[in-house]
Protein backbone atom coordinates (compact mmCIF):
# COMPACT_ATOMS: atom_id res chain seq x y z
CA UNK A 1 85.38 25.77 -18.32
CA UNK A 2 83.52 23.95 -15.56
CA UNK A 3 85.14 26.11 -12.89
CA UNK A 4 84.12 29.30 -14.64
CA UNK A 5 80.61 28.04 -15.35
CA UNK A 6 80.24 27.08 -11.69
CA UNK A 7 81.08 30.64 -10.71
CA UNK A 8 78.27 32.12 -12.83
CA UNK A 9 75.13 33.36 -11.07
CA UNK A 10 72.33 30.85 -10.72
CA UNK A 11 70.24 30.60 -13.84
CA UNK A 12 67.70 28.16 -15.30
CA UNK A 13 70.26 27.06 -17.90
CA UNK A 14 73.27 26.70 -15.61
CA UNK A 15 72.76 22.99 -14.85
CA UNK A 16 72.60 22.20 -18.57
CA UNK A 17 75.78 24.18 -19.19
CA UNK A 18 77.60 22.28 -16.46
CA UNK A 19 76.38 19.00 -17.95
CA UNK A 20 77.61 20.02 -21.39
CA UNK A 21 80.98 21.00 -19.96
CA UNK A 22 81.33 17.60 -18.23
CA UNK A 23 80.44 15.88 -21.49
CA UNK A 24 83.02 17.97 -23.33
CA UNK A 25 85.68 17.11 -20.73
CA UNK A 26 84.84 13.43 -21.14
CA UNK A 27 84.98 13.71 -24.92
CA UNK A 28 88.43 15.29 -24.72
CA UNK A 29 89.64 12.69 -22.19
CA UNK A 30 88.69 9.82 -24.49
CA UNK A 31 90.60 11.54 -27.31
CA UNK A 32 87.60 11.91 -29.58
CA UNK A 33 88.03 13.33 -33.05
CA UNK A 34 88.77 17.04 -33.36
CA UNK A 35 85.49 17.48 -35.25
CA UNK A 36 83.50 16.02 -32.34
CA UNK A 37 85.32 18.18 -29.79
CA UNK A 38 84.81 21.27 -31.94
CA UNK A 39 81.10 20.55 -32.40
CA UNK A 40 80.57 20.11 -28.66
CA UNK A 41 82.57 23.26 -27.94
CA UNK A 42 80.48 25.30 -30.35
CA UNK A 43 77.27 23.87 -28.90
CA UNK A 44 78.42 24.75 -25.38
CA UNK A 45 79.30 28.28 -26.49
CA UNK A 46 75.88 28.72 -28.10
CA UNK A 47 74.13 27.40 -25.00
CA UNK A 48 76.18 29.77 -22.83
CA UNK A 49 75.14 32.78 -24.91
CA UNK A 50 71.51 31.65 -24.79
CA UNK A 51 71.58 31.25 -21.00
CA UNK A 52 73.66 34.36 -20.26
CA UNK A 53 73.16 36.74 -23.18
CA UNK A 54 75.80 39.39 -23.68
CA UNK A 55 76.20 41.76 -26.61
CA UNK A 56 78.76 40.44 -29.07
CA UNK A 57 79.00 43.63 -31.08
CA UNK A 58 77.97 47.26 -30.70
CA UNK A 59 74.39 48.01 -31.65
CA UNK A 60 75.50 51.04 -33.68
CA UNK A 61 78.74 52.32 -35.18
CA UNK A 62 80.73 54.65 -32.94
CA UNK A 63 79.95 58.37 -33.04
CA UNK A 64 83.22 59.93 -34.14
CA UNK A 65 82.17 63.44 -33.14
CA UNK A 66 81.38 62.27 -29.61
CA UNK A 67 84.70 60.42 -29.50
CA UNK A 68 86.53 63.58 -30.51
CA UNK A 69 84.74 65.55 -27.79
CA UNK A 70 85.53 62.91 -25.15
CA UNK A 71 89.17 62.85 -26.26
CA UNK A 72 89.49 66.60 -25.97
CA UNK A 73 87.86 66.58 -22.52
CA UNK A 74 89.68 63.61 -21.02
CA UNK A 75 92.78 62.74 -23.01
CA UNK A 76 94.31 65.73 -24.78
CA UNK A 77 96.07 67.04 -21.65
CA UNK A 78 98.31 63.95 -21.54
CA UNK A 79 98.40 63.01 -25.19
C-alpha cells in the first residue's frame, strides 16, 4: 500500500495517507486484533477516497439504446 500511495501525484492529503499506511503496517506487524486492522484499513480507504476522489459507481444507469447502437457499429462484424 505504501508503495502505491508513494506513486500517487502530490496532493495535500498524501502525507497523511502515507502516515496512515505506516501505522497500518505497524499494527499488522505487532499482530493486532483483526478488528483493529480492519478499522484502520477502512479509515485509510476513506481517507484515500477523500484525498483522491474517484467515482465508485456510474452517475446514471446505462442507456441500452446507445449500447445497442455502439454494438452494431463496433462489434457486430466480429460477433
